[in-house]
Amino acid sequence: MTAVVFAYSSVGCECLEELLDSGVAVPIVFTHEDDPGEERWFRSVRELAEARGVPVILTPQRLGQEEAGTIRAAAPDVIFSFYYRFMIPEAILALAPAFNMHGSLLPRYRGRACVNWAVLNGEAETGVTLHHMVARPDAGRIVDQEAVSIGPDETAIEVFRKIIPAARICLRRALPDIIAGRAYGVEQDESKATYFGRRRPEDGLIDWSRSAREVHNLVRAVTHPFPGAFTFVDGRRLFIWSSAVSEGGGSHPQGGIPCGGGGALIIKEAQWE
């Protein structure tokens, strides 16, 4: 089988390695330039592809006719997207069956920053979904899924580290059916679909009217390597990188900062801007 791959981050590396180790021919990998303003905690698809002798194309902000022509010339049997950050236009999806590896258990948590949102919302489980790509984001038929747990104090990066091997397991399990052309998948239940957008650094502002558990969830959802949760003290911005929820009960719990929604937050690590 010949596959054109769009990939980024450690999930992209794991899945690209799985394809190559399984004997899939990959004539082209499309990936992104690293953002100099972003802390890069993940592996480089570009470095992996070059080390394995796979031609790399660093993509522009928008995929267009030039990229579609390059893919058409490669005549792939299938197109894969593994944590690639841009929407792939229909003109490219029409060139071959296309599959995407998404970082949630669809149909829940469609969209961006799936792991961060799941941690912020206090979920006990998330995972990855391999699905058919269609015009609507993350809405295609589900081919396979792999779940991972989220502990009550785990940070987003700790959950991401579980997602990375889960994605490879999911792809490995589905690959024989994809190669055989029988990875039909099942339709998503639209009544259960949820969608979350991109998070920005300013979204880390703490709302102290929330409960201590909700504030703690925000802290662990956006702590390092992400921009962080913060508050203001006498006009100065204070980042809270690590926290815990006070064990004390009632409306005036012992220890920590009382929160309007109940409980108190214990600050374990903080830093002035």
C-alpha atoms as a PDB file:
ATOM      1  CA  MET A   1       0.000   0.000   0.000  1.00  0.00           C
ATOM      2  CA  THR A   2       1.122   3.530  -0.778  1.00  0.00           C
ATOM      3  CA  ALA A   3       0.126   6.312   1.620  1.00  0.00           C
ATOM      4  CA  VAL A   4       0.600  10.061   1.588  1.00  0.00           C
ATOM      5  CA  VAL A   5       0.865  11.281   5.185  1.00  0.00           C
ATOM      6  CA  PHE A   6       0.063  14.578   6.877  1.00  0.00           C
ATOM      7  CA  ALA A   7       1.588  14.494  10.355  1.00  0.00           C
ATOM      8  CA  TYR A   8       2.907  16.482  13.289  1.00  0.00           C
ATOM      9  CA  SER A   9       3.906  16.005  16.923  1.00  0.00           C
ATOM     10  CA  SER A  10       4.722  12.765  18.717  1.00  0.00           C
ATOM     11  CA  VAL A  11       1.476  11.108  17.617  1.00  0.00           C
ATOM     12  CA  GLY A  12       2.477  11.868  14.027  1.00  0.00           C
ATOM     13  CA  CYS A  13       5.879  10.274  14.610  1.00  0.00           C
ATOM     14  CA  GLU A  14       4.486   7.129  16.230  1.00  0.00           C
ATOM     15  CA  CYS A  15       1.942   6.586  13.468  1.00  0.00           C
ATOM     16  CA  LEU A  16       4.418   7.312  10.668  1.00  0.00           C
ATOM     17  CA  GLU A  17       6.821   4.797  12.218  1.00  0.00           C
ATOM     18  CA  GLU A  18       4.034   2.226  12.401  1.00  0.00           C
ATOM     19  CA  LEU A  19       3.273   2.651   8.695  1.00  0.00           C
ATOM     20  CA  LEU A  20       6.923   2.371   7.679  1.00  0.00           C
ATOM     21  CA  ASP A  21       7.580  -0.601   9.981  1.00  0.00           C
ATOM     22  CA  SER A  22       4.505  -2.326   8.499  1.00  0.00           C
ATOM     23  CA  GLY A  23       5.878  -2.012   4.968  1.00  0.00           C
ATOM     24  CA  VAL A  24       3.592   0.799   3.790  1.00  0.00           C
ATOM     25  CA  ALA A  25       5.277   2.919   1.118  1.00  0.00           C
ATOM     26  CA  VAL A  26       5.213   6.627   2.018  1.00  0.00           C
ATOM     27  CA  PRO A  27       6.339   8.780  -0.939  1.00  0.00           C
ATOM     28  CA  ILE A  28       5.614  12.127   0.785  1.00  0.00           C
ATOM     29  CA  VAL A  29       5.107  13.466   4.291  1.00  0.00           C
ATOM     30  CA  PHE A  30       3.515  16.867   4.772  1.00  0.00           C
ATOM     31  CA  THR A  31       4.326  18.534   8.087  1.00  0.00           C
ATOM     32  CA  HIS A  32       4.572  21.963   9.725  1.00  0.00           C
ATOM     33  CA  GLU A  33       7.410  24.296  10.524  1.00  0.00           C
ATOM     34  CA  ASP A  34       7.788  24.509  14.284  1.00  0.00           C
ATOM     35  CA  ASP A  35       6.323  27.635  15.842  1.00  0.00           C
ATOM     36  CA  PRO A  36       9.211  29.548  17.489  1.00  0.00           C
ATOM     37  CA  GLY A  37       6.787  30.898  20.102  1.00  0.00           C
ATOM     38  CA  GLU A  38       5.681  27.412  21.193  1.00  0.00           C
ATOM     39  CA  GLU A  39       7.469  25.190  23.676  1.00  0.00           C
ATOM     40  CA  ARG A  40       8.215  22.038  21.693  1.00  0.00           C
ATOM     41  CA  TRP A  41       7.890  19.060  24.012  1.00  0.00           C
ATOM     42  CA  PHE A  42       7.158  16.576  21.228  1.00  0.00           C
ATOM     43  CA  ARG A  43       9.130  14.701  18.579  1.00  0.00           C
ATOM     44  CA  SER A  44       9.760  16.104  15.109  1.00  0.00           C
ATOM     45  CA  VAL A  45       8.023  14.457  12.147  1.00  0.00           C
ATOM     46  CA  ARG A  46      10.424  16.232   9.831  1.00  0.00           C
ATOM     47  CA  GLU A  47      13.481  14.775  11.571  1.00  0.00           C
ATOM     48  CA  LEU A  48      11.973  11.277  11.644  1.00  0.00           C
ATOM     49  CA  ALA A  49      10.964  11.333   7.974  1.00  0.00           C
ATOM     50  CA  GLU A  50      14.354  12.583   6.854  1.00  0.00           C
ATOM     51  CA  ALA A  51      16.092   9.931   8.956  1.00  0.00           C
ATOM     52  CA  ARG A  52      13.930   7.248   7.294  1.00  0.00           C
ATOM     53  CA  GLY A  53      14.523   8.646   3.780  1.00  0.00           C
ATOM     54  CA  VAL A  54      10.984   9.928   3.241  1.00  0.00           C
ATOM     55  CA  PRO A  55      10.629  13.198   1.280  1.00  0.00           C
ATOM     56  CA  VAL A  56       9.211  16.028   3.405  1.00  0.00           C
ATOM     57  CA  ILE A  57       7.115  19.013   2.345  1.00  0.00           C
ATOM     58  CA  LEU A  58       6.734  21.846   4.859  1.00  0.00           C
ATOM     59  CA  THR A  59       3.225  23.047   4.249  1.00  0.00           C
ATOM     60  CA  PRO A  60       1.975  26.610   3.862  1.00  0.00           C
ATOM     61  CA  GLN A  61      -0.835  28.023   5.991  1.00  0.00           C
ATOM     62  CA  ARG A  62      -3.389  26.795   3.474  1.00  0.00           C
ATOM     63  CA  LEU A  63      -3.225  23.669   1.312  1.00  0.00           C
ATOM     64  CA  GLY A  64      -3.983  24.440  -2.330  1.00  0.00           C
ATOM     65  CA  GLN A  65      -3.764  23.247  -5.908  1.00  0.00           C
ATOM     66  CA  GLU A  66      -0.002  22.783  -5.811  1.00  0.00           C
ATOM     67  CA  GLU A  67      -0.230  20.328  -2.923  1.00  0.00           C
ATOM     68  CA  ALA A  68      -3.185  18.546  -4.527  1.00  0.00           C
ATOM     69  CA  GLY A  69      -1.171  18.149  -7.724  1.00  0.00           C
ATOM     70  CA  THR A  70       1.780  16.717  -5.827  1.00  0.00           C
ATOM     71  CA  ILE A  71      -0.459  14.160  -4.133  1.00  0.00           C
ATOM     72  CA  ARG A  72      -2.210  13.263  -7.382  1.00  0.00           C
ATOM     73  CA  ALA A  73       1.172  12.568  -8.981  1.00  0.00           C
ATOM     74  CA  ALA A  74       2.086  10.259  -6.090  1.00  0.00           C
ATOM     75  CA  ALA A  75      -1.087   8.207  -6.764  1.00  0.00           C
ATOM     76  CA  PRO A  76      -1.615   7.066  -3.155  1.00  0.00           C
ATOM     77  CA  ASP A  77      -3.921   4.225  -2.197  1.00  0.00           C
ATOM     78  CA  VAL A  78      -4.765   6.097   1.003  1.00  0.00           C
ATOM     79  CA  ILE A  79      -4.193   9.428   2.746  1.00  0.00           C
ATOM     80  CA  PHE A  80      -3.487   9.646   6.486  1.00  0.00           C
ATOM     81  CA  SER A  81      -3.601  12.614   8.854  1.00  0.00           C
ATOM     82  CA  PHE A  82      -1.930  12.166  12.239  1.00  0.00           C
ATOM     83  CA  TYR A  83      -2.238  15.241  14.472  1.00  0.00           C
ATOM     84  CA  TYR A  84      -1.806  17.506  11.465  1.00  0.00           C
ATOM     85  CA  ARG A  85      -2.974  20.978  12.474  1.00  0.00           C
ATOM     86  CA  PHE A  86      -4.780  22.221   9.374  1.00  0.00           C
ATOM     87  CA  MET A  87      -8.021  21.179   7.752  1.00  0.00           C
ATOM     88  CA  ILE A  88      -7.378  19.133   4.610  1.00  0.00           C
ATOM     89  CA  PRO A  89      -9.536  20.451   1.737  1.00  0.00           C
ATOM     90  CA  GLU A  90     -12.058  18.315  -0.083  1.00  0.00           C
ATOM     91  CA  ALA A  91     -10.030  18.531  -3.298  1.00  0.00           C
ATOM     92  CA  ILE A  92      -7.325  16.487  -1.561  1.00  0.00           C
ATOM     93  CA  LEU A  93      -9.706  14.168   0.303  1.00  0.00           C
ATOM     94  CA  ALA A  94     -11.220  13.235  -3.068  1.00  0.00           C
ATOM     95  CA  LEU A  95      -7.903  11.802  -4.295  1.00  0.00           C
ATOM     96  CA  ALA A  96      -7.936   8.652  -2.111  1.00  0.00           C
ATOM     97  CA  PRO A  97      -9.660   7.171   0.961  1.00  0.00           C
ATOM     98  CA  ALA A  98      -8.569   9.402   3.848  1.00  0.00           C
ATOM     99  CA  PHE A  99      -8.229   8.647   7.559  1.00  0.00           C
ATOM    100  CA  ASN A 100      -7.500  10.879  10.543  1.00  0.00           C
ATOM    101  CA  MET A 101      -6.213  10.092  14.035  1.00  0.00           C
ATOM    102  CA  HIS A 102      -8.083  12.326  16.477  1.00  0.00           C
ATOM    103  CA  GLY A 103      -7.195  12.837  20.138  1.00  0.00           C
ATOM    104  CA  SER A 104     -10.524  12.012  21.778  1.00  0.00           C
ATOM    105  CA  LEU A 105     -13.178   9.325  21.891  1.00  0.00           C
ATOM    106  CA  LEU A 106     -15.438  10.660  19.149  1.00  0.00           C
ATOM    107  CA  PRO A 107     -18.090  11.888  18.794  1.00  0.00           C
ATOM    108  CA  ARG A 108     -17.180  13.712  22.017  1.00  0.00           C
ATOM    109  CA  TYR A 109     -14.529  16.445  21.945  1.00  0.00           C
ATOM    110  CA  ARG A 110     -14.406  17.219  18.269  1.00  0.00           C
ATOM    111  CA  GLY A 111     -12.168  20.161  17.450  1.00  0.00           C
ATOM    112  CA  ARG A 112      -8.934  21.455  18.950  1.00  0.00           C
ATOM    113  CA  ALA A 113      -6.999  20.959  22.212  1.00  0.00           C
ATOM    114  CA  CYS A 114      -9.008  17.812  22.977  1.00  0.00           C
ATOM    115  CA  VAL A 115      -6.850  16.536  25.836  1.00  0.00           C
ATOM    116  CA  ASN A 116      -6.639  19.942  27.510  1.00  0.00           C
ATOM    117  CA  TRP A 117     -10.417  20.325  27.374  1.00  0.00           C
ATOM    118  CA  ALA A 118     -10.998  16.813  28.711  1.00  0.00           C
ATOM    119  CA  VAL A 119      -8.723  17.473  31.704  1.00  0.00           C
ATOM    120  CA  LEU A 120     -10.274  20.895  32.295  1.00  0.00           C
ATOM    121  CA  ASN A 121     -13.755  19.366  32.302  1.00  0.00           C
ATOM    122  CA  GLY A 122     -12.759  16.740  34.863  1.00  0.00           C
ATOM    123  CA  GLU A 123     -13.202  13.734  32.579  1.00  0.00           C
ATOM    124  CA  ALA A 124     -12.039  10.348  33.867  1.00  0.00           C
ATOM    125  CA  GLU A 125     -11.330   8.983  30.378  1.00  0.00           C
ATOM    126  CA  THR A 126     -10.324  10.062  26.893  1.00  0.00           C
ATOM    127  CA  GLY A 127      -8.463   8.359  24.059  1.00  0.00           C
ATOM    128  CA  VAL A 128      -7.902   8.356  20.324  1.00  0.00           C
ATOM    129  CA  THR A 129     -10.162   7.699  17.361  1.00  0.00           C
ATOM    130  CA  LEU A 130      -9.166   6.653  13.859  1.00  0.00           C
ATOM    131  CA  HIS A 131     -11.904   7.819  11.514  1.00  0.00           C
ATOM    132  CA  HIS A 132     -12.691   8.551   7.885  1.00  0.00           C
ATOM    133  CA  MET A 133     -12.083  12.161   6.923  1.00  0.00           C
ATOM    134  CA  VAL A 134     -15.013  14.107   5.492  1.00  0.00           C
ATOM    135  CA  ALA A 135     -15.650  17.794   4.831  1.00  0.00           C
ATOM    136  CA  ARG A 136     -16.876  18.410   8.390  1.00  0.00           C
ATOM    137  CA  PRO A 137     -14.108  18.199  11.005  1.00  0.00           C
ATOM    138  CA  ASP A 138     -13.935  14.956  13.003  1.00  0.00           C
ATOM    139  CA  ALA A 139     -17.348  13.792  11.734  1.00  0.00           C
ATOM    140  CA  GLY A 140     -16.480  10.777   9.574  1.00  0.00           C
ATOM    141  CA  ARG A 141     -17.178   7.102  10.253  1.00  0.00           C
ATOM    142  CA  ILE A 142     -15.234   5.614  13.180  1.00  0.00           C
ATOM    143  CA  VAL A 143     -12.814   2.825  12.263  1.00  0.00           C
ATOM    144  CA  ASP A 144     -11.279   2.149  15.689  1.00  0.00           C
ATOM    145  CA  GLN A 145     -10.719   3.700  19.117  1.00  0.00           C
ATOM    146  CA  GLU A 146      -8.359   3.239  22.059  1.00  0.00           C
ATOM    147  CA  ALA A 147      -9.242   4.635  25.483  1.00  0.00           C
ATOM    148  CA  VAL A 148      -6.898   5.970  28.185  1.00  0.00           C
ATOM    149  CA  SER A 149      -7.707   6.942  31.775  1.00  0.00           C
ATOM    150  CA  ILE A 150      -7.369  10.420  33.282  1.00  0.00           C
ATOM    151  CA  GLY A 151      -6.488  10.510  36.971  1.00  0.00           C
ATOM    152  CA  PRO A 152      -8.039  13.248  39.158  1.00  0.00           C
ATOM    153  CA  ASP A 153      -4.671  14.992  39.532  1.00  0.00           C
ATOM    154  CA  GLU A 154      -3.029  14.128  36.215  1.00  0.00           C
ATOM    155  CA  THR A 155      -1.914  17.022  34.037  1.00  0.00           C
ATOM    156  CA  ALA A 156      -2.628  17.375  30.341  1.00  0.00           C
ATOM    157  CA  ILE A 157       0.943  16.476  29.397  1.00  0.00           C
ATOM    158  CA  GLU A 158       0.715  13.279  31.451  1.00  0.00           C
ATOM    159  CA  VAL A 159      -2.450  12.334  29.567  1.00  0.00           C
ATOM    160  CA  PHE A 160      -0.788  13.206  26.247  1.00  0.00           C
ATOM    161  CA  ARG A 161       1.963  10.731  27.069  1.00  0.00           C
ATOM    162  CA  LYS A 162      -0.716   8.042  27.286  1.00  0.00           C
ATOM    163  CA  ILE A 163      -2.312   9.188  24.025  1.00  0.00           C
ATOM    164  CA  ILE A 164       0.914   8.733  22.051  1.00  0.00           C
ATOM    165  CA  PRO A 165       1.233   4.916  22.385  1.00  0.00           C
ATOM    166  CA  ALA A 166      -2.566   4.561  22.251  1.00  0.00           C
ATOM    167  CA  ALA A 167      -2.562   6.109  18.771  1.00  0.00           C
ATOM    168  CA  ARG A 168      -0.007   3.593  17.541  1.00  0.00           C
ATOM    169  CA  ILE A 169      -1.957   0.688  19.026  1.00  0.00           C
ATOM    170  CA  CYS A 170      -5.135   1.925  17.357  1.00  0.00           C
ATOM    171  CA  LEU A 171      -3.468   2.307  13.941  1.00  0.00           C
ATOM    172  CA  ARG A 172      -1.724  -1.075  14.176  1.00  0.00           C
ATOM    173  CA  ARG A 173      -5.024  -2.797  14.917  1.00  0.00           C
ATOM    174  CA  ALA A 174      -6.854  -1.080  12.037  1.00  0.00           C
ATOM    175  CA  LEU A 175      -4.123  -1.220   9.415  1.00  0.00           C
ATOM    176  CA  PRO A 176      -4.847  -4.722   8.042  1.00  0.00           C
ATOM    177  CA  ASP A 177      -8.457  -3.736   7.291  1.00  0.00           C
ATOM    178  CA  ILE A 178      -7.334  -0.468   5.715  1.00  0.00           C
ATOM    179  CA  ILE A 179      -4.852  -2.283   3.491  1.00  0.00           C
ATOM    180  CA  ALA A 180      -7.541  -4.800   2.508  1.00  0.00           C
ATOM    181  CA  GLY A 181     -10.012  -2.002   1.732  1.00  0.00           C
ATOM    182  CA  ARG A 182     -12.559  -3.138   4.295  1.00  0.00           C
ATOM    183  CA  ALA A 183     -12.182  -0.424   6.971  1.00  0.00           C
ATOM    184  CA  TYR A 184     -15.743   0.773   6.508  1.00  0.00           C
ATOM    185  CA  GLY A 185     -16.269   2.049  10.037  1.00  0.00           C
ATOM    186  CA  VAL A 186     -19.501   3.029  11.785  1.00  0.00           C
ATOM    187  CA  GLU A 187     -21.376   6.311  11.671  1.00  0.00           C
ATOM    188  CA  GLN A 188     -20.987   8.663  14.621  1.00  0.00           C
ATOM    189  CA  ASP A 189     -23.962   9.355  16.857  1.00  0.00           C
ATOM    190  CA  GLU A 190     -24.536  13.053  16.223  1.00  0.00           C
ATOM    191  CA  SER A 191     -26.748  13.341  19.301  1.00  0.00           C
ATOM    192  CA  LYS A 192     -23.645  12.717  21.444  1.00  0.00           C
ATOM    193  CA  ALA A 193     -21.290  15.024  19.551  1.00  0.00           C
ATOM    194  CA  THR A 194     -19.544  17.853  21.400  1.00  0.00           C
ATOM    195  CA  TYR A 195     -17.177  20.422  19.911  1.00  0.00           C
ATOM    196  CA  PHE A 196     -14.443  22.483  21.558  1.00  0.00           C
ATOM    197  CA  GLY A 197     -12.322  25.205  19.990  1.00  0.00           C
ATOM    198  CA  ARG A 198      -8.731  26.262  20.265  1.00  0.00           C
ATOM    199  CA  ARG A 199      -7.521  27.536  23.646  1.00  0.00           C
ATOM    200  CA  ARG A 200      -5.544  30.770  23.922  1.00  0.00           C
ATOM    201  CA  PRO A 201      -3.081  31.826  26.663  1.00  0.00           C
ATOM    202  CA  GLU A 202      -5.580  34.365  28.022  1.00  0.00           C
ATOM    203  CA  ASP A 203      -8.064  31.515  28.625  1.00  0.00           C
ATOM    204  CA  GLY A 204      -5.892  30.534  31.593  1.00  0.00           C
ATOM    205  CA  LEU A 205      -7.281  33.346  33.775  1.00  0.00           C
ATOM    206  CA  ILE A 206      -8.655  31.770  36.965  1.00  0.00           C
ATOM    207  CA  ASP A 207     -12.268  32.453  37.906  1.00  0.00           C
ATOM    208  CA  TRP A 208     -12.302  32.234  41.716  1.00  0.00           C
ATOM    209  CA  SER A 209     -16.105  32.015  41.727  1.00  0.00           C
ATOM    210  CA  ARG A 210     -15.697  28.426  40.522  1.00  0.00           C
ATOM    211  CA  SER A 211     -15.210  25.477  42.850  1.00  0.00           C
ATOM    212  CA  ALA A 212     -11.739  24.466  44.002  1.00  0.00           C
ATOM    213  CA  ARG A 213     -12.003  21.304  41.908  1.00  0.00           C
ATOM    214  CA  GLU A 214     -12.798  23.325  38.784  1.00  0.00           C
ATOM    215  CA  VAL A 215      -9.876  25.681  39.389  1.00  0.00           C
ATOM    216  CA  HIS A 216      -7.579  22.708  40.032  1.00  0.00           C
ATOM    217  CA  ASN A 217      -8.751  21.156  36.766  1.00  0.00           C
ATOM    218  CA  LEU A 218      -7.823  24.363  34.918  1.00  0.00           C
ATOM    219  CA  VAL A 219      -4.380  24.410  36.521  1.00  0.00           C
ATOM    220  CA  ARG A 220      -3.586  20.831  35.514  1.00  0.00           C
ATOM    221  CA  ALA A 221      -5.093  21.310  32.032  1.00  0.00           C
ATOM    222  CA  VAL A 222      -2.798  24.191  31.078  1.00  0.00           C
ATOM    223  CA  THR A 223       0.324  23.735  33.218  1.00  0.00           C
ATOM    224  CA  HIS A 224       3.741  23.190  31.578  1.00  0.00           C
ATOM    225  CA  PRO A 225       4.388  22.912  28.682  1.00  0.00           C
ATOM    226  CA  PHE A 226       1.232  24.949  28.035  1.00  0.00           C
ATOM    227  CA  PRO A 227       0.843  28.674  28.842  1.00  0.00           C
ATOM    228  CA  GLY A 228      -0.471  28.154  32.381  1.00  0.00           C
ATOM    229  CA  ALA A 229      -3.298  29.214  34.693  1.00  0.00           C
ATOM    230  CA  PHE A 230      -2.921  32.626  36.295  1.00  0.00           C
ATOM    231  CA  THR A 231      -4.477  35.181  38.606  1.00  0.00           C
ATOM    232  CA  PHE A 232      -3.667  38.757  39.597  1.00  0.00           C
ATOM    233  CA  VAL A 233      -2.386  39.804  43.020  1.00  0.00           C
ATOM    234  CA  ASP A 234      -2.036  43.557  43.614  1.00  0.00           C
ATOM    235  CA  GLY A 235      -1.946  44.069  39.867  1.00  0.00           C
ATOM    236  CA  ARG A 236       0.781  41.480  39.269  1.00  0.00           C
ATOM    237  CA  ARG A 237       0.192  38.319  37.266  1.00  0.00           C
ATOM    238  CA  LEU A 238       0.844  35.131  39.220  1.00  0.00           C
ATOM    239  CA  PHE A 239       1.031  31.781  37.415  1.00  0.00           C
ATOM    240  CA  ILE A 240      -0.102  28.711  39.343  1.00  0.00           C
ATOM    241  CA  TRP A 241       1.678  25.681  37.914  1.00  0.00           C
ATOM    242  CA  SER A 242       0.639  23.029  40.434  1.00  0.00           C
ATOM    243  CA  SER A 243      -2.227  22.784  42.898  1.00  0.00           C
ATOM    244  CA  ALA A 244      -4.366  20.481  45.011  1.00  0.00           C
ATOM    245  CA  VAL A 245      -7.860  20.560  46.440  1.00  0.00           C
ATOM    246  CA  SER A 246      -8.135  20.999  50.209  1.00  0.00           C
ATOM    247  CA  GLU A 247      -9.498  17.967  52.000  1.00  0.00           C
ATOM    248  CA  GLY A 248     -11.413  20.239  54.392  1.00  0.00           C
ATOM    249  CA  GLY A 249     -15.180  20.364  53.908  1.00  0.00           C
ATOM    250  CA  GLY A 250     -17.920  22.875  54.575  1.00  0.00           C
ATOM    251  CA  SER A 251     -18.183  26.466  53.476  1.00  0.00           C
ATOM    252  CA  HIS A 252     -14.894  27.427  55.213  1.00  0.00           C
ATOM    253  CA  PRO A 253     -12.411  24.612  54.470  1.00  0.00           C
ATOM    254  CA  GLN A 254      -9.136  24.581  56.358  1.00  0.00           C
ATOM    255  CA  GLY A 255      -6.076  25.496  54.356  1.00  0.00           C
ATOM    256  CA  GLY A 256      -5.751  26.889  50.879  1.00  0.00           C
ATOM    257  CA  ILE A 257      -7.625  29.687  49.123  1.00  0.00           C
ATOM    258  CA  PRO A 258     -11.436  29.474  49.538  1.00  0.00           C
ATOM    259  CA  CYS A 259     -13.240  29.330  46.189  1.00  0.00           C
ATOM    260  CA  GLY A 260     -16.677  30.794  45.555  1.00  0.00           C
ATOM    261  CA  GLY A 261     -18.046  27.522  44.229  1.00  0.00           C
ATOM    262  CA  GLY A 262     -16.915  25.504  47.264  1.00  0.00           C
ATOM    263  CA  GLY A 263     -13.725  24.047  48.670  1.00  0.00           C
ATOM    264  CA  ALA A 264     -10.266  25.585  48.771  1.00  0.00           C
ATOM    265  CA  LEU A 265      -7.287  25.474  46.440  1.00  0.00           C
ATOM    266  CA  ILE A 266      -3.841  24.643  47.800  1.00  0.00           C
ATOM    267  CA  ILE A 267      -1.097  26.245  45.712  1.00  0.00           C
ATOM    268  CA  LYS A 268       1.892  23.920  45.401  1.00  0.00           C
ATOM    269  CA  GLU A 269       3.935  25.774  42.788  1.00  0.00           C
ATOM    270  CA  ALA A 270       3.557  29.362  41.589  1.00  0.00           C
ATOM    271  CA  GLN A 271       5.622  31.932  39.711  1.00  0.00           C
ATOM    272  CA  TRP A 272       5.409  35.676  39.217  1.00  0.00           C
ATOM    273  CA  GLU A 273       5.331  36.784  35.613  1.00  0.00           C
END
